[in-house]
């Protein structure tokens, strides 16, 4: 009896279902959606355009590592919805998110190929990176995929890694840069600047008392860069974008015990409580510090904002992911 798989499909339009008449497909976690992912998507779209077939990405939620290695839980670069938004902005027709289950993870490479890629998605073309692995314990390789695809007359495009400064672009490389606070180099590897988002919560209001009101982000479910002060851009619920001075870490001057993300929006006045704020990081200005008192802290804040103001217009002009009106629906097959 055929296995049944289910999940969510994201698209720019309504009524998207499993592609019964064939599709071009790429499979992966796509964490962060970086330049290597963009190259794979571009090659996939080029391969299926002459066939008149849709191009789709297949990804997973939760990330397989969360089930396989729960003790090694880590923060990822993107939420599932953000991954879908970024992938769709590259021109894909749909992003299918399979629900990760023990049964799915236990499929051998050949079972994944036959049950998922062939039976569920009727794949006519596949594009993957040269280091692609799949199936139980990641035993399947690109060579295996090519052997089965050739047998079934499915076009397979193998995509070489994109290299920046001589090293392959990867999600783990980007994660390492962000953990060191090097958002500038991380952004060079990403399709769009690194972003976190969270709902604005009530804080201690110390920033407002000092003349620098901040929006305090609540729970953030993706990786937060190393503690420090950053120049960036904040997008509010209306879609308006503002240059931003971002403080990540403990407020050492006031002896705060908890790490926070505080965002001062340049030129904004108003109430953001309860709104979801999207915050892009562009440059680390300095490390967090403990100041002797309020006067020293205020003086440094003036210097930080002056420096960030000089960068903010350049940041605001940098490309951002096109806002897509996501349609989502459940699927099973």
Protein backbone atom coordinates (compact mmCIF):
# COMPACT_ATOMS: atom_id res chain seq x y z
CA UNK A 1 0.00 0.00 0.00
CA UNK A 2 1.49 3.39 -0.98
CA UNK A 3 2.63 5.61 1.85
CA UNK A 4 0.88 8.92 2.45
CA UNK A 5 2.80 12.14 2.99
CA UNK A 6 1.32 15.47 4.00
CA UNK A 7 2.26 19.05 4.63
CA UNK A 8 1.67 22.62 3.50
CA UNK A 9 2.07 24.21 0.09
CA UNK A 10 2.92 27.91 -0.25
CA UNK A 11 2.37 29.86 -3.44
CA UNK A 12 1.61 33.33 -4.79
CA UNK A 13 -1.82 32.21 -5.93
CA UNK A 14 -4.72 30.05 -4.82
CA UNK A 15 -5.51 26.48 -5.79
CA UNK A 16 -2.02 24.97 -6.00
CA UNK A 17 -1.99 21.20 -5.57
CA UNK A 18 0.42 18.34 -6.15
CA UNK A 19 1.61 18.58 -9.77
CA UNK A 20 -0.08 15.56 -11.35
CA UNK A 21 1.16 16.43 -14.84
CA UNK A 22 4.80 16.74 -13.89
CA UNK A 23 7.09 19.41 -12.48
CA UNK A 24 10.66 20.45 -12.00
CA UNK A 25 11.71 20.01 -8.39
CA UNK A 26 14.57 20.78 -6.03
CA UNK A 27 14.79 19.26 -2.55
CA UNK A 28 16.56 20.69 0.47
CA UNK A 29 16.37 22.46 3.80
CA UNK A 30 17.21 25.82 2.17
CA UNK A 31 18.03 27.39 5.54
CA UNK A 32 18.72 31.08 5.00
CA UNK A 33 18.21 30.87 1.21
CA UNK A 34 21.73 31.77 0.10
CA UNK A 35 23.54 32.26 -3.21
CA UNK A 36 24.00 28.53 -3.69
CA UNK A 37 20.27 27.96 -3.34
CA UNK A 38 19.60 30.79 -5.79
CA UNK A 39 21.82 29.14 -8.40
CA UNK A 40 20.03 25.80 -8.02
CA UNK A 41 16.62 27.46 -8.38
CA UNK A 42 17.75 29.41 -11.45
CA UNK A 43 19.04 26.25 -13.11
CA UNK A 44 15.82 24.40 -12.28
CA UNK A 45 13.62 27.12 -13.76
CA UNK A 46 15.73 27.17 -16.93
CA UNK A 47 15.42 23.42 -17.32
CA UNK A 48 11.61 23.26 -17.01
CA UNK A 49 10.68 26.42 -18.88
CA UNK A 50 10.92 24.71 -22.32
CA UNK A 51 8.72 21.89 -20.97
CA UNK A 52 5.98 24.25 -19.82
CA UNK A 53 6.00 22.69 -16.35
CA UNK A 54 5.87 24.35 -12.92
CA UNK A 55 9.03 24.63 -10.84
CA UNK A 56 8.72 23.76 -7.15
CA UNK A 57 10.89 23.41 -4.07
CA UNK A 58 10.39 20.63 -1.55
CA UNK A 59 11.49 21.30 2.01
CA UNK A 60 10.70 20.01 5.50
CA UNK A 61 9.17 21.13 8.79
CA UNK A 62 10.40 20.61 11.38
CA UNK A 63 14.01 20.49 10.22
CA UNK A 64 15.08 16.81 10.19
CA UNK A 65 17.87 17.59 12.66
CA UNK A 66 15.28 18.49 15.29
CA UNK A 67 13.97 14.90 15.23
CA UNK A 68 17.25 13.11 14.61
CA UNK A 69 19.43 15.05 17.07
CA UNK A 70 17.13 16.86 19.54
CA UNK A 71 19.93 17.28 22.08
CA UNK A 72 21.86 19.32 19.50
CA UNK A 73 19.00 21.76 18.95
CA UNK A 74 20.16 24.97 17.31
CA UNK A 75 18.61 28.12 15.99
CA UNK A 76 18.12 28.19 12.24
CA UNK A 77 18.44 31.15 9.90
CA UNK A 78 14.85 31.25 8.69
CA UNK A 79 11.40 30.19 9.75
CA UNK A 80 9.45 27.92 7.42
CA UNK A 81 7.29 30.78 6.15
CA UNK A 82 10.32 33.02 5.58
CA UNK A 83 12.00 30.25 3.57
CA UNK A 84 8.88 29.97 1.43
CA UNK A 85 8.76 33.74 0.88
CA UNK A 86 12.40 33.88 -0.16
CA UNK A 87 12.19 30.85 -2.45
CA UNK A 88 9.05 32.18 -4.15
CA UNK A 89 10.77 35.54 -4.66
CA UNK A 90 13.34 33.68 -6.80
CA UNK A 91 10.63 32.72 -9.29
CA UNK A 92 9.42 29.31 -8.16
CA UNK A 93 5.77 28.46 -8.67
CA UNK A 94 5.28 26.75 -5.30
CA UNK A 95 7.06 25.61 -2.17
CA UNK A 96 5.90 22.31 -0.69
CA UNK A 97 6.72 21.74 2.98
CA UNK A 98 6.58 18.07 3.97
CA UNK A 99 5.76 17.34 7.59
CA UNK A 100 8.84 15.59 8.95
CA UNK A 101 7.93 12.29 10.59
CA UNK A 102 9.93 9.26 11.74
CA UNK A 103 8.41 7.34 8.81
CA UNK A 104 9.66 9.93 6.33
CA UNK A 105 13.14 9.94 7.86
CA UNK A 106 13.25 6.14 7.73
CA UNK A 107 12.79 5.99 3.95
CA UNK A 108 15.81 4.67 2.11
CA UNK A 109 17.19 6.90 -0.62
CA UNK A 110 15.54 4.80 -3.32
CA UNK A 111 12.23 4.80 -1.45
CA UNK A 112 12.35 8.58 -1.14
CA UNK A 113 13.06 8.85 -4.85
CA UNK A 114 10.28 6.49 -5.90
CA UNK A 115 7.63 7.38 -3.30
CA UNK A 116 8.12 11.14 -3.00
CA UNK A 117 9.84 12.46 -6.11
CA UNK A 118 8.15 10.13 -8.59
CA UNK A 119 4.80 9.03 -7.18
CA UNK A 120 3.82 12.19 -5.26
CA UNK A 121 5.40 14.89 -7.41
CA UNK A 122 5.66 13.23 -10.84
CA UNK A 123 9.06 14.85 -11.26
CA UNK A 124 10.13 15.46 -14.86
CA UNK A 125 13.26 17.41 -13.95
CA UNK A 126 15.37 17.66 -10.80
CA UNK A 127 18.09 20.14 -9.85
CA UNK A 128 20.41 19.61 -6.88
CA UNK A 129 23.80 20.66 -5.61
CA UNK A 130 26.75 18.34 -6.13
CA UNK A 131 26.88 17.58 -2.39
CA UNK A 132 23.21 16.53 -2.22
CA UNK A 133 22.41 13.66 0.17
CA UNK A 134 19.02 12.17 0.92
CA UNK A 135 17.22 9.20 2.40
CA UNK A 136 17.78 7.37 5.67
CA UNK A 137 21.03 8.48 7.33
CA UNK A 138 21.71 10.64 4.25
CA UNK A 139 23.00 7.56 2.43
CA UNK A 140 21.71 8.64 -0.98
CA UNK A 141 24.10 10.62 -3.19
CA UNK A 142 23.83 12.59 -6.40
CA UNK A 143 25.28 9.56 -8.23
CA UNK A 144 22.40 7.42 -6.95
CA UNK A 145 19.90 10.05 -7.99
CA UNK A 146 21.44 10.28 -11.46
CA UNK A 147 21.31 6.51 -11.95
CA UNK A 148 17.60 6.32 -11.12
CA UNK A 149 16.73 9.52 -12.99
CA UNK A 150 18.49 8.28 -16.14
CA UNK A 151 16.60 5.01 -15.89
CA UNK A 152 13.28 6.86 -15.70
CA UNK A 153 14.12 9.53 -18.31
CA UNK A 154 14.05 12.33 -15.74
CA UNK A 155 16.35 15.25 -16.45
CA UNK A 156 18.85 15.83 -13.62
CA UNK A 157 20.84 19.05 -13.32
CA UNK A 158 23.87 18.91 -11.02
CA UNK A 159 24.82 22.38 -9.78
CA UNK A 160 28.35 23.18 -8.65
CA UNK A 161 28.78 25.05 -5.35
CA UNK A 162 28.88 28.84 -5.48
CA UNK A 163 32.20 29.97 -4.02
CA UNK A 164 32.92 33.31 -2.38
CA UNK A 165 36.53 34.03 -1.37
CA UNK A 166 37.42 30.50 -2.43
CA UNK A 167 35.01 28.76 -0.05
CA UNK A 168 31.64 27.21 -0.85
CA UNK A 169 28.60 29.14 0.32
CA UNK A 170 26.65 27.13 2.90
CA UNK A 171 24.12 27.67 5.66
CA UNK A 172 26.64 26.51 8.28
CA UNK A 173 29.21 29.03 7.02
CA UNK A 174 26.64 31.83 7.31
CA UNK A 175 25.62 30.64 10.77
CA UNK A 176 29.25 30.77 11.91
CA UNK A 177 29.67 34.34 10.65
CA UNK A 178 26.52 35.52 12.43
CA UNK A 179 27.59 33.88 15.67
CA UNK A 180 30.74 36.02 15.47
CA UNK A 181 28.73 39.16 14.71
CA UNK A 182 30.06 39.38 11.17
CA UNK A 183 26.75 40.27 9.55
CA UNK A 184 28.46 42.14 6.71
CA UNK A 185 30.20 39.04 5.36
CA UNK A 186 27.15 36.88 6.10
CA UNK A 187 25.01 39.15 3.94
CA UNK A 188 27.45 38.72 1.05
CA UNK A 189 26.47 35.03 0.99
CA UNK A 190 22.71 35.50 1.37
CA UNK A 191 20.21 36.39 -1.33
CA UNK A 192 18.78 39.10 0.95
CA UNK A 193 20.13 40.70 4.16
CA UNK A 194 19.88 38.68 7.34
CA UNK A 195 16.65 39.32 9.21
CA UNK A 196 14.97 38.41 12.47
CA UNK A 197 11.45 39.24 13.55
CA UNK A 198 9.50 39.34 16.76
CA UNK A 199 6.53 40.96 18.41
CA UNK A 200 7.22 44.25 20.17
CA UNK A 201 6.82 43.91 23.93
CA UNK A 202 6.81 46.28 26.88
CA UNK A 203 10.35 46.98 28.10
CA UNK A 204 11.87 48.99 30.94
CA UNK A 205 11.39 52.25 28.96
CA UNK A 206 14.94 53.32 29.82
CA UNK A 207 15.66 54.16 26.19
CA UNK A 208 12.77 56.61 26.06
CA UNK A 209 13.96 58.27 29.27
CA UNK A 210 17.39 58.74 27.66
CA UNK A 211 15.91 60.17 24.46
CA UNK A 212 16.34 56.98 22.43
CA UNK A 213 13.04 55.04 22.56
CA UNK A 214 13.41 51.41 21.56
CA UNK A 215 11.15 48.60 20.41
CA UNK A 216 11.90 45.49 22.42
CA UNK A 217 11.47 42.27 20.48
CA UNK A 218 9.82 39.33 22.18
CA UNK A 219 10.50 35.71 21.25
CA UNK A 220 12.73 35.38 18.18
CA UNK A 221 12.80 31.87 16.74
CA UNK A 222 15.82 32.23 14.47
CA UNK A 223 19.50 32.76 15.17
CA UNK A 224 20.33 36.11 16.78
CA UNK A 225 23.77 37.52 15.89
CA UNK A 226 26.49 37.89 18.52
CA UNK A 227 25.91 40.52 21.19
CA UNK A 228 26.70 44.03 20.04
CA UNK A 229 25.37 47.24 18.52
CA UNK A 230 24.39 47.04 14.85
CA UNK A 231 23.27 49.29 12.03
CA UNK A 232 20.22 47.94 10.25
CA UNK A 233 16.75 48.52 8.91
CA UNK A 234 13.43 47.87 10.65
CA UNK A 235 10.15 47.26 8.82
CA UNK A 236 6.92 47.91 10.70
CA UNK A 237 3.53 46.31 10.07
CA UNK A 238 2.52 48.94 7.49
CA UNK A 239 5.56 48.07 5.37
CA UNK A 240 7.35 51.36 6.12
CA UNK A 241 11.12 50.94 6.56
CA UNK A 242 13.36 52.89 8.91
CA UNK A 243 17.06 52.98 9.57
CA UNK A 244 17.69 51.27 12.89
CA UNK A 245 20.19 51.17 15.73
CA UNK A 246 20.01 47.64 17.14
CA UNK A 247 21.32 46.54 20.54
CA UNK A 248 21.68 42.79 21.09
CA UNK A 249 22.61 41.53 24.54
CA UNK A 250 22.33 42.41 28.21
CA UNK A 251 22.02 46.03 29.29
CA UNK A 252 25.25 45.94 31.29
CA UNK A 253 25.09 49.52 32.55
CA UNK A 254 21.84 48.79 34.40
CA UNK A 255 22.86 45.30 35.51
CA UNK A 256 20.21 43.55 33.42
CA UNK A 257 20.29 39.77 33.69
CA UNK A 258 18.46 38.92 30.48
CA UNK A 259 19.58 39.26 26.89
CA UNK A 260 17.30 41.44 24.76
CA UNK A 261 17.00 42.85 21.26
CA UNK A 262 16.26 46.57 21.41
CA UNK A 263 15.65 48.53 18.21
CA UNK A 264 15.74 52.33 17.92
CA UNK A 265 13.98 53.37 14.69
CA UNK A 266 15.51 56.54 13.23
CA UNK A 267 12.90 59.21 12.52
CA UNK A 268 9.97 57.22 13.87
CA UNK A 269 7.56 58.25 16.59
CA UNK A 270 4.57 56.19 17.56
CA UNK A 271 3.42 53.07 19.36
CA UNK A 272 4.64 49.70 18.09
CA UNK A 273 3.48 47.51 20.97
CA UNK A 274 1.99 44.27 19.72
CA UNK A 275 3.24 44.73 16.17
CA UNK A 276 5.59 42.25 14.53
CA UNK A 277 8.83 44.05 13.69
CA UNK A 278 11.19 42.78 10.99
CA UNK A 279 14.81 43.73 11.63
CA UNK A 280 17.60 43.45 9.05
CA UNK A 281 21.25 43.55 10.17
CA UNK A 282 23.85 45.28 8.01
CA UNK A 283 26.92 46.14 10.09
CA UNK A 284 28.23 45.58 13.61
CA UNK A 285 29.26 48.92 15.07
CA UNK A 286 30.73 47.86 18.42
CA UNK A 287 30.56 45.37 21.26
CA UNK A 288 28.23 45.82 24.22
CA UNK A 289 29.76 47.79 27.09
CA UNK A 290 29.18 48.69 30.71
CA UNK A 291 29.32 52.46 31.16
CA UNK A 292 30.15 54.36 34.34
CA UNK A 293 26.77 56.04 34.38
CA UNK A 294 23.85 57.44 32.43
CA UNK A 295 25.80 60.42 31.07
CA UNK A 296 28.52 58.22 29.56
CA UNK A 297 25.90 55.88 28.12
CA UNK A 298 23.91 58.75 26.60
CA UNK A 299 27.04 60.21 25.01
CA UNK A 300 27.83 56.85 23.41
CA UNK A 301 24.24 56.46 22.17
CA UNK A 302 24.48 59.83 20.42
CA UNK A 303 27.71 58.68 18.76
CA UNK A 304 26.17 55.34 17.75
CA UNK A 305 23.10 56.96 16.20
CA UNK A 306 25.21 59.54 14.34
CA UNK A 307 27.29 56.73 12.83
CA UNK A 308 24.25 54.64 11.99
CA UNK A 309 22.41 57.60 10.44
CA UNK A 310 25.25 57.96 7.95
CA UNK A 311 24.79 54.31 6.96
CA UNK A 312 21.01 54.10 7.09
CA UNK A 313 20.23 55.58 3.68
CA UNK A 314 22.59 53.12 2.00
CA UNK A 315 20.92 50.30 3.91
CA UNK A 316 17.43 51.47 2.98
CA UNK A 317 18.40 51.44 -0.70
CA UNK A 318 19.67 47.85 -0.63
CA UNK A 319 17.41 45.26 -2.28
CA UNK A 320 14.93 43.40 -0.14
CA UNK A 321 12.83 40.34 -0.76
CA UNK A 322 9.71 41.25 -2.66
CA UNK A 323 6.68 41.11 -0.41
CA UNK A 324 4.64 38.16 -1.56
CA UNK A 325 1.03 37.50 -0.76
CA UNK A 326 1.36 33.94 0.44
CA UNK A 327 -1.41 31.46 -0.13
CA UNK A 328 -1.08 28.27 1.88
CA UNK A 329 -3.01 25.02 1.84
CA UNK A 330 -2.66 21.50 3.15
CA UNK A 331 -1.74 18.66 0.81
CA UNK A 332 -1.33 14.92 1.02
CA UNK A 333 -0.24 12.34 -1.46
